[in-house]
Amino acid sequence: MVQEFVKISNSPIEFLLTLNGIEVWVKRDDLLDPFVSGNKLFKLKHNLNHAIAQGKKSIITFGGAFSNHIAASASLTHQHGLKSIGIIRGEPNEKLNPTLTFALSKGMKLKYISREMYRQKNDEFFLIELRKEFPDAFIIPEGGANIFGIEGSNEILNEYTEHFDFIACAIGTGTTIAGLLHASQEHQKVIGIPIHKYANILDDVALIDPSVIAQLHKFILAKDFHFGGYAKWNTDLLEFIRSVHQNHGLKLDPIYTGKALFGLFDIIQKGSIPPGSKALFIHTGGLQGVSGFEERFKIKLFKT
């Protein structure tokens, strides 16, 4: 049994609204930590526990220039006295964006590699060379997509979520949705809403954790809400995000949670969920990326 160095408290579950006779609630995992919010904290928890237990002095992980995972990894390792190296996809820019500026402020060393080389990041020869360069580091895949990430995601649901009929969440790497499928009750359905066009995400997850296949009878894939692909968006999405904030005080981001809640609302409005049901939306955080989005696209998402 690995000692728990990283611990997570319960997050509040808040009522959002009743839509088409369905109660929609939000599990506010975005409030768990000001810098390591949402599913990132759960996916990193057991990775860091194992790194510390093995006596590792640093972690290596991967992400794009606006990666929530990079920001979260930098902050959590800093909190626990570990060094961090971020392998960043693409060439460095003269002006750092808010995500990478934050990562540097938490002591993360940034190592840029070409997009072609980045596609090889999970290949064994690439990892062997990385271990030679950083022998004292614990390697965490992009997005925390390994068995430890799934193990942590198992802990998102608890005794306070058992009475809900539907659990809804964004899908990025698929790690979080795998944990939700394992942890959900037999009477519950888990709605996964991909934020990109990639269609084989669960096949990738099954390679990490084949046991997730036995949970797929609880899974509903809602794949029409990616808005054109990863980091793609339109004015309808932005107007939805602003409306939710203005009417309910809930901030969403345009990459993950905005698309996922938009998808859940659409599913409900089309009558795909029986009236009288209770749906729980998992807020996976990611709000650190809003400032980078605003800077990149010259758009102000929220008035306050």
C-alpha atoms as a PDB file:
ATOM      1  CA  MET A   1       0.000   0.000   0.000  1.00  0.00           C
ATOM      2  CA  VAL A   2       1.578   3.263  -1.139  1.00  0.00           C
ATOM      3  CA  GLN A   3       1.445   6.060   1.424  1.00  0.00           C
ATOM      4  CA  GLU A   4      -0.883   8.946   0.588  1.00  0.00           C
ATOM      5  CA  PHE A   5       1.249  12.053   0.317  1.00  0.00           C
ATOM      6  CA  VAL A   6      -1.320  13.807  -1.879  1.00  0.00           C
ATOM      7  CA  LYS A   7      -4.749  14.009  -0.258  1.00  0.00           C
ATOM      8  CA  ILE A   8      -8.021  15.335  -1.685  1.00  0.00           C
ATOM      9  CA  SER A   9     -10.997  16.653   0.269  1.00  0.00           C
ATOM     10  CA  ASN A  10     -14.631  16.383  -0.840  1.00  0.00           C
ATOM     11  CA  SER A  11     -15.861  19.048  -3.239  1.00  0.00           C
ATOM     12  CA  PRO A  12     -19.315  20.665  -2.950  1.00  0.00           C
ATOM     13  CA  ILE A  13     -22.211  19.438  -5.083  1.00  0.00           C
ATOM     14  CA  GLU A  14     -24.392  22.368  -6.140  1.00  0.00           C
ATOM     15  CA  PHE A  15     -27.832  22.529  -7.738  1.00  0.00           C
ATOM     16  CA  LEU A  16     -27.710  24.290 -11.114  1.00  0.00           C
ATOM     17  CA  LEU A  17     -31.232  24.191 -12.590  1.00  0.00           C
ATOM     18  CA  THR A  18     -34.164  22.025 -13.616  1.00  0.00           C
ATOM     19  CA  LEU A  19     -34.282  21.500 -17.381  1.00  0.00           C
ATOM     20  CA  ASN A  20     -37.077  19.530 -19.101  1.00  0.00           C
ATOM     21  CA  GLY A  21     -37.989  17.982 -15.772  1.00  0.00           C
ATOM     22  CA  ILE A  22     -34.405  16.886 -15.039  1.00  0.00           C
ATOM     23  CA  GLU A  23     -32.459  18.229 -12.075  1.00  0.00           C
ATOM     24  CA  VAL A  24     -28.939  19.230 -13.100  1.00  0.00           C
ATOM     25  CA  TRP A  25     -26.323  19.386 -10.358  1.00  0.00           C
ATOM     26  CA  VAL A  26     -22.611  20.224 -10.556  1.00  0.00           C
ATOM     27  CA  LYS A  27     -19.781  18.576  -8.646  1.00  0.00           C
ATOM     28  CA  ARG A  28     -17.459  21.527  -8.145  1.00  0.00           C
ATOM     29  CA  ASP A  29     -14.102  19.842  -8.454  1.00  0.00           C
ATOM     30  CA  ASP A  30     -12.869  23.156  -9.858  1.00  0.00           C
ATOM     31  CA  LEU A  31     -12.880  24.391  -6.243  1.00  0.00           C
ATOM     32  CA  LEU A  32     -10.574  21.690  -4.849  1.00  0.00           C
ATOM     33  CA  ASP A  33      -7.365  23.668  -5.310  1.00  0.00           C
ATOM     34  CA  PRO A  34      -6.770  27.146  -6.737  1.00  0.00           C
ATOM     35  CA  PHE A  35      -4.072  25.865  -9.115  1.00  0.00           C
ATOM     36  CA  VAL A  36      -4.591  22.087  -9.425  1.00  0.00           C
ATOM     37  CA  SER A  37      -8.313  21.919  -9.953  1.00  0.00           C
ATOM     38  CA  GLY A  38     -10.762  19.326 -11.150  1.00  0.00           C
ATOM     39  CA  ASN A  39      -9.769  15.991 -12.594  1.00  0.00           C
ATOM     40  CA  LYS A  40      -6.117  17.037 -12.871  1.00  0.00           C
ATOM     41  CA  LEU A  41      -5.728  16.680  -9.110  1.00  0.00           C
ATOM     42  CA  PHE A  42      -7.271  13.199  -9.129  1.00  0.00           C
ATOM     43  CA  LYS A  43      -5.175  12.030 -12.090  1.00  0.00           C
ATOM     44  CA  LEU A  44      -1.954  13.297 -10.555  1.00  0.00           C
ATOM     45  CA  LYS A  45      -2.622  12.080  -7.009  1.00  0.00           C
ATOM     46  CA  HIS A  46      -1.426   8.484  -7.305  1.00  0.00           C
ATOM     47  CA  ASN A  47       1.270   9.354  -9.831  1.00  0.00           C
ATOM     48  CA  LEU A  48       2.862  11.670  -7.285  1.00  0.00           C
ATOM     49  CA  ASN A  49       2.252   9.250  -4.421  1.00  0.00           C
ATOM     50  CA  HIS A  50       4.207   6.587  -6.323  1.00  0.00           C
ATOM     51  CA  ALA A  51       6.923   9.039  -7.374  1.00  0.00           C
ATOM     52  CA  ILE A  52       7.499  10.130  -3.774  1.00  0.00           C
ATOM     53  CA  ALA A  53       7.328   6.544  -2.459  1.00  0.00           C
ATOM     54  CA  GLN A  54      10.000   5.529  -4.987  1.00  0.00           C
ATOM     55  CA  GLY A  55      12.257   8.337  -3.813  1.00  0.00           C
ATOM     56  CA  LYS A  56      12.111  10.210  -7.109  1.00  0.00           C
ATOM     57  CA  LYS A  57      13.258  13.823  -6.991  1.00  0.00           C
ATOM     58  CA  SER A  58      11.400  15.058 -10.057  1.00  0.00           C
ATOM     59  CA  ILE A  59       8.648  14.246 -12.520  1.00  0.00           C
ATOM     60  CA  ILE A  60       8.553  14.524 -16.287  1.00  0.00           C
ATOM     61  CA  THR A  61       5.300  15.045 -18.120  1.00  0.00           C
ATOM     62  CA  PHE A  62       3.994  16.207 -21.478  1.00  0.00           C
ATOM     63  CA  GLY A  63       1.596  18.751 -22.925  1.00  0.00           C
ATOM     64  CA  GLY A  64       0.897  21.552 -25.341  1.00  0.00           C
ATOM     65  CA  ALA A  65       1.626  25.197 -24.668  1.00  0.00           C
ATOM     66  CA  PHE A  66      -1.825  25.792 -23.130  1.00  0.00           C
ATOM     67  CA  SER A  67      -2.063  22.477 -21.257  1.00  0.00           C
ATOM     68  CA  ASN A  68      -4.066  22.353 -18.033  1.00  0.00           C
ATOM     69  CA  HIS A  69      -2.076  19.248 -17.143  1.00  0.00           C
ATOM     70  CA  ILE A  70       1.252  21.070 -17.453  1.00  0.00           C
ATOM     71  CA  ALA A  71       0.057  23.874 -15.169  1.00  0.00           C
ATOM     72  CA  ALA A  72      -1.387  21.434 -12.633  1.00  0.00           C
ATOM     73  CA  SER A  73       1.719  19.233 -12.639  1.00  0.00           C
ATOM     74  CA  ALA A  74       3.994  22.222 -12.075  1.00  0.00           C
ATOM     75  CA  SER A  75       1.920  23.428  -9.138  1.00  0.00           C
ATOM     76  CA  LEU A  76       1.385  20.075  -7.414  1.00  0.00           C
ATOM     77  CA  THR A  77       5.022  19.019  -7.662  1.00  0.00           C
ATOM     78  CA  HIS A  78       6.030  22.413  -6.269  1.00  0.00           C
ATOM     79  CA  GLN A  79       3.649  21.907  -3.328  1.00  0.00           C
ATOM     80  CA  HIS A  80       5.280  18.565  -2.526  1.00  0.00           C
ATOM     81  CA  GLY A  81       8.902  19.574  -2.954  1.00  0.00           C
ATOM     82  CA  LEU A  82       9.549  17.848  -6.271  1.00  0.00           C
ATOM     83  CA  LYS A  83      11.171  19.284  -9.363  1.00  0.00           C
ATOM     84  CA  SER A  84       9.319  19.083 -12.665  1.00  0.00           C
ATOM     85  CA  ILE A  85      10.190  18.947 -16.339  1.00  0.00           C
ATOM     86  CA  GLY A  86       7.536  19.710 -18.932  1.00  0.00           C
ATOM     87  CA  ILE A  87       8.040  18.323 -22.429  1.00  0.00           C
ATOM     88  CA  ILE A  88       6.218  20.911 -24.538  1.00  0.00           C
ATOM     89  CA  ARG A  89       4.904  20.245 -28.042  1.00  0.00           C
ATOM     90  CA  GLY A  90       6.166  22.758 -30.613  1.00  0.00           C
ATOM     91  CA  GLU A  91       8.706  25.529 -30.848  1.00  0.00           C
ATOM     92  CA  PRO A  92       9.211  28.131 -28.103  1.00  0.00           C
ATOM     93  CA  ASN A  93       7.751  31.595 -28.592  1.00  0.00           C
ATOM     94  CA  GLU A  94       9.521  34.763 -27.532  1.00  0.00           C
ATOM     95  CA  LYS A  95       6.502  35.700 -25.414  1.00  0.00           C
ATOM     96  CA  LEU A  96       5.303  32.973 -23.063  1.00  0.00           C
ATOM     97  CA  ASN A  97       1.568  32.463 -22.661  1.00  0.00           C
ATOM     98  CA  PRO A  98      -0.053  32.537 -19.176  1.00  0.00           C
ATOM     99  CA  THR A  99       0.057  28.729 -18.802  1.00  0.00           C
ATOM    100  CA  LEU A 100       3.788  28.389 -19.401  1.00  0.00           C
ATOM    101  CA  THR A 101       4.540  31.536 -17.414  1.00  0.00           C
ATOM    102  CA  PHE A 102       2.718  29.959 -14.478  1.00  0.00           C
ATOM    103  CA  ALA A 103       4.546  26.643 -14.919  1.00  0.00           C
ATOM    104  CA  LEU A 104       7.902  28.429 -14.855  1.00  0.00           C
ATOM    105  CA  SER A 105       6.862  30.330 -11.726  1.00  0.00           C
ATOM    106  CA  LYS A 106       6.372  26.957 -10.021  1.00  0.00           C
ATOM    107  CA  GLY A 107       9.863  25.858 -10.974  1.00  0.00           C
ATOM    108  CA  MET A 108       9.050  23.691 -13.982  1.00  0.00           C
ATOM    109  CA  LYS A 109      11.841  23.310 -16.517  1.00  0.00           C
ATOM    110  CA  LEU A 110      10.455  23.488 -20.062  1.00  0.00           C
ATOM    111  CA  LYS A 111      11.880  21.309 -22.821  1.00  0.00           C
ATOM    112  CA  TYR A 112      10.459  21.973 -26.297  1.00  0.00           C
ATOM    113  CA  ILE A 113      10.367  19.250 -28.940  1.00  0.00           C
ATOM    114  CA  SER A 114       9.047  19.194 -32.497  1.00  0.00           C
ATOM    115  CA  ARG A 115       5.498  18.069 -33.186  1.00  0.00           C
ATOM    116  CA  GLU A 116       6.888  15.095 -35.102  1.00  0.00           C
ATOM    117  CA  MET A 117       8.994  13.989 -32.150  1.00  0.00           C
ATOM    118  CA  TYR A 118       6.109  14.674 -29.766  1.00  0.00           C
ATOM    119  CA  ARG A 119       4.029  12.056 -31.578  1.00  0.00           C
ATOM    120  CA  GLN A 120       6.655   9.511 -30.489  1.00  0.00           C
ATOM    121  CA  LYS A 121       6.365  10.398 -26.795  1.00  0.00           C
ATOM    122  CA  ASN A 122       4.837   7.039 -25.830  1.00  0.00           C
ATOM    123  CA  ASP A 123       7.263   4.947 -27.889  1.00  0.00           C
ATOM    124  CA  GLU A 124       9.657   2.842 -25.852  1.00  0.00           C
ATOM    125  CA  PHE A 125      12.821   4.096 -27.561  1.00  0.00           C
ATOM    126  CA  PHE A 126      11.797   7.700 -26.838  1.00  0.00           C
ATOM    127  CA  LEU A 127      11.162   6.900 -23.164  1.00  0.00           C
ATOM    128  CA  ILE A 128      14.475   5.039 -22.856  1.00  0.00           C
ATOM    129  CA  GLU A 129      16.358   8.116 -24.064  1.00  0.00           C
ATOM    130  CA  LEU A 130      14.340  10.312 -21.709  1.00  0.00           C
ATOM    131  CA  ARG A 131      15.223   8.088 -18.742  1.00  0.00           C
ATOM    132  CA  LYS A 132      18.895   8.312 -19.694  1.00  0.00           C
ATOM    133  CA  GLU A 133      18.686  12.108 -19.694  1.00  0.00           C
ATOM    134  CA  PHE A 134      16.659  12.291 -16.454  1.00  0.00           C
ATOM    135  CA  PRO A 135      17.448   9.107 -14.460  1.00  0.00           C
ATOM    136  CA  ASP A 136      15.927  10.382 -11.196  1.00  0.00           C
ATOM    137  CA  ALA A 137      12.586  11.395 -12.714  1.00  0.00           C
ATOM    138  CA  PHE A 138       9.183   9.712 -12.590  1.00  0.00           C
ATOM    139  CA  ILE A 139       7.494   9.870 -16.004  1.00  0.00           C
ATOM    140  CA  ILE A 140       3.796  10.781 -16.172  1.00  0.00           C
ATOM    141  CA  PRO A 141       2.084  10.513 -19.586  1.00  0.00           C
ATOM    142  CA  GLU A 142       0.263  13.445 -21.152  1.00  0.00           C
ATOM    143  CA  GLY A 143      -2.919  14.187 -19.235  1.00  0.00           C
ATOM    144  CA  GLY A 144      -2.004  11.677 -16.523  1.00  0.00           C
ATOM    145  CA  ALA A 145      -3.220   8.935 -18.864  1.00  0.00           C
ATOM    146  CA  ASN A 146      -1.962   5.833 -17.094  1.00  0.00           C
ATOM    147  CA  ILE A 147      -3.250   3.313 -14.579  1.00  0.00           C
ATOM    148  CA  PHE A 148      -2.462   5.688 -11.698  1.00  0.00           C
ATOM    149  CA  GLY A 149      -4.516   8.405 -13.391  1.00  0.00           C
ATOM    150  CA  ILE A 150      -7.460   6.022 -13.715  1.00  0.00           C
ATOM    151  CA  GLU A 151      -7.016   4.929 -10.096  1.00  0.00           C
ATOM    152  CA  GLY A 152      -7.253   8.551  -8.986  1.00  0.00           C
ATOM    153  CA  SER A 153     -10.267   9.220 -11.192  1.00  0.00           C
ATOM    154  CA  ASN A 154     -12.043   6.348  -9.425  1.00  0.00           C
ATOM    155  CA  GLU A 155     -12.195   8.655  -6.412  1.00  0.00           C
ATOM    156  CA  ILE A 156     -14.169  11.448  -8.096  1.00  0.00           C
ATOM    157  CA  LEU A 157     -17.435   9.704  -7.265  1.00  0.00           C
ATOM    158  CA  ASN A 158     -18.295   8.944  -3.645  1.00  0.00           C
ATOM    159  CA  GLU A 159     -21.213   8.240  -1.303  1.00  0.00           C
ATOM    160  CA  TYR A 160     -22.626  11.694  -2.040  1.00  0.00           C
ATOM    161  CA  THR A 161     -22.991  10.938  -5.761  1.00  0.00           C
ATOM    162  CA  GLU A 162     -24.705   7.555  -5.528  1.00  0.00           C
ATOM    163  CA  HIS A 163     -28.291   8.860  -5.846  1.00  0.00           C
ATOM    164  CA  PHE A 164     -27.752  10.491  -9.245  1.00  0.00           C
ATOM    165  CA  ASP A 165     -29.070   8.717 -12.337  1.00  0.00           C
ATOM    166  CA  PHE A 166     -26.674  10.226 -14.884  1.00  0.00           C
ATOM    167  CA  ILE A 167     -23.057  11.363 -14.557  1.00  0.00           C
ATOM    168  CA  ALA A 168     -21.746  13.656 -17.320  1.00  0.00           C
ATOM    169  CA  CYS A 169     -18.158  14.627 -18.013  1.00  0.00           C
ATOM    170  CA  ALA A 170     -15.883  15.901 -20.779  1.00  0.00           C
ATOM    171  CA  ILE A 171     -13.576  13.394 -22.464  1.00  0.00           C
ATOM    172  CA  GLY A 172      -9.995  14.338 -23.310  1.00  0.00           C
ATOM    173  CA  THR A 173      -7.593  11.413 -22.892  1.00  0.00           C
ATOM    174  CA  GLY A 174     -10.394   9.182 -21.581  1.00  0.00           C
ATOM    175  CA  THR A 175      -8.642   8.609 -18.246  1.00  0.00           C
ATOM    176  CA  THR A 176     -11.285  10.398 -16.187  1.00  0.00           C
ATOM    177  CA  ILE A 177     -14.227   8.717 -17.896  1.00  0.00           C
ATOM    178  CA  ALA A 178     -12.613   5.315 -17.253  1.00  0.00           C
ATOM    179  CA  GLY A 179     -12.418   6.120 -13.545  1.00  0.00           C
ATOM    180  CA  LEU A 180     -16.037   7.279 -13.517  1.00  0.00           C
ATOM    181  CA  LEU A 181     -17.161   4.059 -15.200  1.00  0.00           C
ATOM    182  CA  HIS A 182     -15.375   1.981 -12.574  1.00  0.00           C
ATOM    183  CA  ALA A 183     -16.723   4.020  -9.667  1.00  0.00           C
ATOM    184  CA  SER A 184     -20.310   4.509 -10.865  1.00  0.00           C
ATOM    185  CA  GLN A 185     -23.208   2.462  -9.525  1.00  0.00           C
ATOM    186  CA  GLU A 186     -24.996  -0.166 -11.617  1.00  0.00           C
ATOM    187  CA  HIS A 187     -28.113   2.006 -11.868  1.00  0.00           C
ATOM    188  CA  GLN A 188     -26.122   4.966 -13.187  1.00  0.00           C
ATOM    189  CA  LYS A 189     -25.256   5.921 -16.754  1.00  0.00           C
ATOM    190  CA  VAL A 190     -22.043   7.798 -17.502  1.00  0.00           C
ATOM    191  CA  ILE A 191     -22.283  10.305 -20.357  1.00  0.00           C
ATOM    192  CA  GLY A 192     -18.924  11.031 -21.968  1.00  0.00           C
ATOM    193  CA  ILE A 193     -18.652  14.113 -24.171  1.00  0.00           C
ATOM    194  CA  PRO A 194     -15.448  14.204 -26.273  1.00  0.00           C
ATOM    195  CA  ILE A 195     -13.953  17.629 -26.862  1.00  0.00           C
ATOM    196  CA  HIS A 196     -12.120  16.472 -29.989  1.00  0.00           C
ATOM    197  CA  LYS A 197     -12.836  14.413 -33.110  1.00  0.00           C
ATOM    198  CA  TYR A 198     -10.648  11.442 -32.155  1.00  0.00           C
ATOM    199  CA  ALA A 199     -12.927   8.408 -32.247  1.00  0.00           C
ATOM    200  CA  ASN A 200     -10.815   5.640 -30.692  1.00  0.00           C
ATOM    201  CA  ILE A 201     -10.260   7.129 -27.264  1.00  0.00           C
ATOM    202  CA  LEU A 202     -11.782   4.216 -25.341  1.00  0.00           C
ATOM    203  CA  ASP A 203      -9.649   1.760 -27.306  1.00  0.00           C
ATOM    204  CA  ASP A 204      -6.596   3.639 -26.053  1.00  0.00           C
ATOM    205  CA  VAL A 205      -7.917   3.578 -22.486  1.00  0.00           C
ATOM    206  CA  ALA A 206      -8.589  -0.162 -22.742  1.00  0.00           C
ATOM    207  CA  LEU A 207      -4.915  -0.705 -23.590  1.00  0.00           C
ATOM    208  CA  ILE A 208      -4.037   0.900 -20.255  1.00  0.00           C
ATOM    209  CA  ASP A 209      -6.864  -0.746 -18.312  1.00  0.00           C
ATOM    210  CA  PRO A 210      -8.603  -3.675 -20.074  1.00  0.00           C
ATOM    211  CA  SER A 211     -11.024  -4.061 -17.154  1.00  0.00           C
ATOM    212  CA  VAL A 212     -12.853  -0.903 -18.254  1.00  0.00           C
ATOM    213  CA  ILE A 213     -14.458  -2.924 -21.068  1.00  0.00           C
ATOM    214  CA  ALA A 214     -16.666  -4.660 -18.504  1.00  0.00           C
ATOM    215  CA  GLN A 215     -18.110  -1.260 -17.521  1.00  0.00           C
ATOM    216  CA  LEU A 216     -19.154  -0.094 -20.996  1.00  0.00           C
ATOM    217  CA  HIS A 217     -22.800  -1.122 -20.470  1.00  0.00           C
ATOM    218  CA  LYS A 218     -23.039   2.012 -18.297  1.00  0.00           C
ATOM    219  CA  PHE A 219     -21.490   4.276 -20.940  1.00  0.00           C
ATOM    220  CA  ILE A 220     -23.219   6.761 -23.252  1.00  0.00           C
ATOM    221  CA  LEU A 221     -20.994   8.451 -25.853  1.00  0.00           C
ATOM    222  CA  ALA A 222     -22.174  11.906 -26.952  1.00  0.00           C
ATOM    223  CA  LYS A 223     -19.734  12.711 -29.742  1.00  0.00           C
ATOM    224  CA  ASP A 224     -21.351  15.646 -31.548  1.00  0.00           C
ATOM    225  CA  PHE A 225     -20.240  18.494 -29.295  1.00  0.00           C
ATOM    226  CA  HIS A 226     -16.559  19.012 -30.146  1.00  0.00           C
ATOM    227  CA  PHE A 227     -17.344  22.165 -32.196  1.00  0.00           C
ATOM    228  CA  GLY A 228     -14.971  21.113 -34.955  1.00  0.00           C
ATOM    229  CA  GLY A 229     -12.204  19.536 -32.883  1.00  0.00           C
ATOM    230  CA  TYR A 230      -9.841  20.163 -30.006  1.00  0.00           C
ATOM    231  CA  ALA A 231      -9.658  23.877 -29.075  1.00  0.00           C
ATOM    232  CA  LYS A 232     -12.208  24.703 -31.787  1.00  0.00           C
ATOM    233  CA  TRP A 233     -15.164  26.911 -30.907  1.00  0.00           C
ATOM    234  CA  ASN A 234     -17.834  29.218 -32.273  1.00  0.00           C
ATOM    235  CA  THR A 235     -19.958  32.098 -31.010  1.00  0.00           C
ATOM    236  CA  ASP A 236     -22.766  29.738 -29.925  1.00  0.00           C
ATOM    237  CA  LEU A 237     -20.390  28.064 -27.481  1.00  0.00           C
ATOM    238  CA  LEU A 238     -19.095  31.364 -26.107  1.00  0.00           C
ATOM    239  CA  GLU A 239     -22.626  32.735 -25.704  1.00  0.00           C
ATOM    240  CA  PHE A 240     -23.611  29.568 -23.833  1.00  0.00           C
ATOM    241  CA  ILE A 241     -20.633  29.879 -21.484  1.00  0.00           C
ATOM    242  CA  ARG A 242     -21.433  33.528 -20.788  1.00  0.00           C
ATOM    243  CA  SER A 243     -25.112  32.732 -20.217  1.00  0.00           C
ATOM    244  CA  VAL A 244     -24.305  30.019 -17.668  1.00  0.00           C
ATOM    245  CA  HIS A 245     -22.009  32.411 -15.833  1.00  0.00           C
ATOM    246  CA  GLN A 246     -24.479  35.308 -15.870  1.00  0.00           C
ATOM    247  CA  ASN A 247     -27.492  33.217 -14.847  1.00  0.00           C
ATOM    248  CA  HIS A 248     -25.908  30.733 -12.458  1.00  0.00           C
ATOM    249  CA  GLY A 249     -22.525  32.168 -11.444  1.00  0.00           C
ATOM    250  CA  LEU A 250     -20.706  29.128 -12.837  1.00  0.00           C
ATOM    251  CA  LYS A 251     -17.561  29.648 -14.895  1.00  0.00           C
ATOM    252  CA  LEU A 252     -16.751  27.178 -17.664  1.00  0.00           C
ATOM    253  CA  ASP A 253     -13.874  27.039 -20.123  1.00  0.00           C
ATOM    254  CA  PRO A 254     -14.276  26.840 -23.926  1.00  0.00           C
ATOM    255  CA  ILE A 255     -12.023  23.800 -24.362  1.00  0.00           C
ATOM    256  CA  TYR A 256     -13.535  21.220 -21.994  1.00  0.00           C
ATOM    257  CA  THR A 257     -16.316  22.080 -19.561  1.00  0.00           C
ATOM    258  CA  GLY A 258     -18.132  24.545 -21.817  1.00  0.00           C
ATOM    259  CA  LYS A 259     -18.486  21.944 -24.559  1.00  0.00           C
ATOM    260  CA  ALA A 260     -19.452  19.218 -22.106  1.00  0.00           C
ATOM    261  CA  LEU A 261     -22.218  21.168 -20.353  1.00  0.00           C
ATOM    262  CA  PHE A 262     -23.491  22.439 -23.723  1.00  0.00           C
ATOM    263  CA  GLY A 263     -23.710  18.797 -24.782  1.00  0.00           C
ATOM    264  CA  LEU A 264     -25.517  17.724 -21.622  1.00  0.00           C
ATOM    265  CA  PHE A 265     -28.095  20.509 -22.014  1.00  0.00           C
ATOM    266  CA  ASP A 266     -28.667  19.534 -25.647  1.00  0.00           C
ATOM    267  CA  ILE A 267     -29.145  15.868 -24.737  1.00  0.00           C
ATOM    268  CA  ILE A 268     -31.680  16.826 -22.067  1.00  0.00           C
ATOM    269  CA  GLN A 269     -33.554  19.232 -24.342  1.00  0.00           C
ATOM    270  CA  LYS A 270     -33.872  16.528 -27.007  1.00  0.00           C
ATOM    271  CA  GLY A 271     -35.580  14.218 -24.510  1.00  0.00           C
ATOM    272  CA  SER A 272     -32.816  11.621 -24.299  1.00  0.00           C
ATOM    273  CA  ILE A 273     -32.939  11.609 -20.488  1.00  0.00           C
ATOM    274  CA  PRO A 274     -36.201  10.579 -18.783  1.00  0.00           C
ATOM    275  CA  PRO A 275     -38.035  13.343 -16.857  1.00  0.00           C
ATOM    276  CA  GLY A 276     -37.596  13.063 -13.122  1.00  0.00           C
ATOM    277  CA  SER A 277     -33.958  11.998 -13.461  1.00  0.00           C
ATOM    278  CA  LYS A 278     -31.087  13.624 -11.625  1.00  0.00           C
ATOM    279  CA  ALA A 279     -27.959  14.431 -13.633  1.00  0.00           C
ATOM    280  CA  LEU A 280     -24.576  15.269 -12.125  1.00  0.00           C
ATOM    281  CA  PHE A 281     -22.108  17.288 -14.191  1.00  0.00           C
ATOM    282  CA  ILE A 282     -18.464  16.881 -13.186  1.00  0.00           C
ATOM    283  CA  HIS A 283     -16.703  20.249 -13.357  1.00  0.00           C
ATOM    284  CA  THR A 284     -13.198  19.192 -14.317  1.00  0.00           C
ATOM    285  CA  GLY A 285     -11.611  22.598 -13.764  1.00  0.00           C
ATOM    286  CA  GLY A 286      -9.400  23.962 -16.511  1.00  0.00           C
ATOM    287  CA  LEU A 287     -10.196  27.591 -15.811  1.00  0.00           C
ATOM    288  CA  GLN A 288      -6.490  28.454 -15.797  1.00  0.00           C
ATOM    289  CA  GLY A 289      -6.664  28.169 -19.572  1.00  0.00           C
ATOM    290  CA  VAL A 290      -9.223  30.957 -19.941  1.00  0.00           C
ATOM    291  CA  SER A 291      -6.631  33.744 -19.767  1.00  0.00           C
ATOM    292  CA  GLY A 292      -4.568  32.055 -22.480  1.00  0.00           C
ATOM    293  CA  PHE A 293      -7.671  31.639 -24.632  1.00  0.00           C
ATOM    294  CA  GLU A 294      -8.571  35.302 -24.190  1.00  0.00           C
ATOM    295  CA  GLU A 295      -5.035  36.414 -25.017  1.00  0.00           C
ATOM    296  CA  ARG A 296      -4.765  34.160 -28.058  1.00  0.00           C
ATOM    297  CA  PHE A 297      -8.115  35.080 -29.616  1.00  0.00           C
ATOM    298  CA  LYS A 298      -8.411  38.661 -28.297  1.00  0.00           C
ATOM    299  CA  ILE A 299     -11.755  37.809 -26.675  1.00  0.00           C
ATOM    300  CA  LYS A 300     -12.999  38.673 -23.198  1.00  0.00           C
ATOM    301  CA  LEU A 301     -14.999  35.662 -22.019  1.00  0.00           C
ATOM    302  CA  PHE A 302     -16.252  36.985 -18.674  1.00  0.00           C
ATOM    303  CA  LYS A 303     -17.031  40.519 -17.567  1.00  0.00           C
ATOM    304  CA  THR A 304     -15.817  39.767 -14.049  1.00  0.00           C
END
